Amino acid sequence: MMSILELFDKDNILCPEWLSYLQLEDDWMESIYSYEDGKHTWNLKNDFKEARITFDGEEYNFYGIDGGEMFCLERITEDYVMQY
């Protein structure tokens, strides 16, 4: 397991303290990073999963992708955590 801090560090993104406790599977180090319209995005696609993480500075979202459809599985802000 790796921390979200490691993922953010990999792409030189400042990780807020309230998010730094989050753990991810190690395969996120192979994710593809992009930045567009004020939103950081990491896409991961391998033989076992397809997923996306987005962060706009205030809200972190974790999405699962199944059959081309994206489903929000977790939303985190400084004030709350929502899991779907």
Protein backbone atom coordinates (compact mmCIF):
# COMPACT_ATOMS: atom_id res chain seq x y z
CA MET A 1 0.00 0.00 0.00
CA MET A 2 1.04 3.56 -0.63
CA SER A 3 -0.26 6.85 0.69
CA ILE A 4 -2.08 9.41 -1.43
CA LEU A 5 0.78 11.71 -0.44
CA GLU A 6 3.15 9.52 -2.48
CA LEU A 7 0.89 9.78 -5.53
CA PHE A 8 0.65 13.56 -5.21
CA ASP A 9 4.43 13.82 -4.68
CA LYS A 10 5.06 11.78 -7.83
CA ASP A 11 3.41 14.51 -9.88
CA ASN A 12 4.56 17.47 -7.74
CA ILE A 13 1.10 18.23 -6.35
CA LEU A 14 0.68 19.66 -2.86
CA CYS A 15 -1.40 17.21 -0.82
CA PRO A 16 -3.56 18.73 1.92
CA GLU A 17 -3.05 17.32 5.41
CA TRP A 18 -6.71 16.24 5.68
CA LEU A 19 -6.22 13.90 2.72
CA SER A 20 -2.74 12.58 3.51
CA TYR A 21 -4.01 9.65 5.64
CA LEU A 22 -5.62 7.96 2.60
CA GLN A 23 -4.07 4.70 1.40
CA LEU A 24 -4.04 3.41 -2.19
CA GLU A 25 -2.89 0.23 -3.86
CA ASP A 26 0.66 0.40 -5.19
CA ASP A 27 -0.44 0.14 -8.82
CA TRP A 28 -1.52 3.82 -8.66
CA MET A 29 2.16 4.69 -9.20
CA GLU A 30 1.55 3.55 -12.81
CA SER A 31 -1.40 5.93 -13.27
CA ILE A 32 -1.46 8.63 -15.92
CA TYR A 33 -1.66 12.19 -14.57
CA SER A 34 -3.28 15.17 -16.27
CA TYR A 35 -4.37 18.67 -15.30
CA GLU A 36 -7.20 20.50 -17.01
CA ASP A 37 -9.64 23.25 -16.01
CA GLY A 38 -8.27 23.43 -12.46
CA LYS A 39 -8.62 19.70 -11.81
CA HIS A 40 -5.87 17.13 -11.22
CA THR A 41 -6.75 13.71 -12.63
CA TRP A 42 -5.07 10.33 -12.32
CA ASN A 43 -6.29 7.49 -14.55
CA LEU A 44 -5.41 3.87 -13.90
CA LYS A 45 -6.16 1.06 -16.30
CA ASN A 46 -4.69 -2.42 -16.10
CA ASP A 47 -5.83 -6.02 -16.52
CA PHE A 48 -7.60 -5.94 -13.16
CA LYS A 49 -9.20 -2.52 -12.86
CA GLU A 50 -10.01 0.81 -14.40
CA ALA A 51 -10.32 3.76 -12.03
CA ARG A 52 -9.89 7.51 -11.77
CA ILE A 53 -8.99 9.97 -9.04
CA THR A 54 -9.76 13.68 -9.33
CA PHE A 55 -8.78 16.55 -7.06
CA ASP A 56 -9.68 20.21 -7.53
CA GLY A 57 -7.99 21.58 -4.41
CA GLU A 58 -11.11 21.19 -2.25
CA GLU A 59 -12.68 17.87 -3.22
CA TYR A 60 -11.15 14.43 -3.81
CA ASN A 61 -13.17 11.92 -5.82
CA PHE A 62 -12.45 8.25 -6.44
CA TYR A 63 -14.24 6.65 -9.40
CA GLY A 64 -14.55 3.08 -10.55
CA ILE A 65 -15.11 2.48 -14.24
CA ASP A 66 -17.08 -0.54 -15.42
CA GLY A 67 -18.10 -1.12 -19.01
CA GLY A 68 -17.14 2.44 -19.89
CA GLU A 69 -19.41 3.91 -17.21
CA MET A 70 -17.86 5.88 -14.37
CA PHE A 71 -19.22 5.53 -10.83
CA CYS A 72 -18.20 7.74 -7.91
CA LEU A 73 -17.19 5.43 -5.06
CA GLU A 74 -15.82 7.97 -2.60
CA ARG A 75 -15.88 11.76 -2.13
CA ILE A 76 -13.70 13.45 0.49
CA THR A 77 -13.40 17.08 1.54
CA GLU A 78 -11.87 18.66 4.61
CA ASP A 79 -15.30 18.48 6.28
CA TYR A 80 -16.72 15.11 5.27
CA VAL A 81 -16.24 11.67 3.72
CA MET A 82 -18.94 10.09 1.57
CA GLN A 83 -18.72 6.51 0.35
CA TYR A 84 -21.17 5.15 -2.18
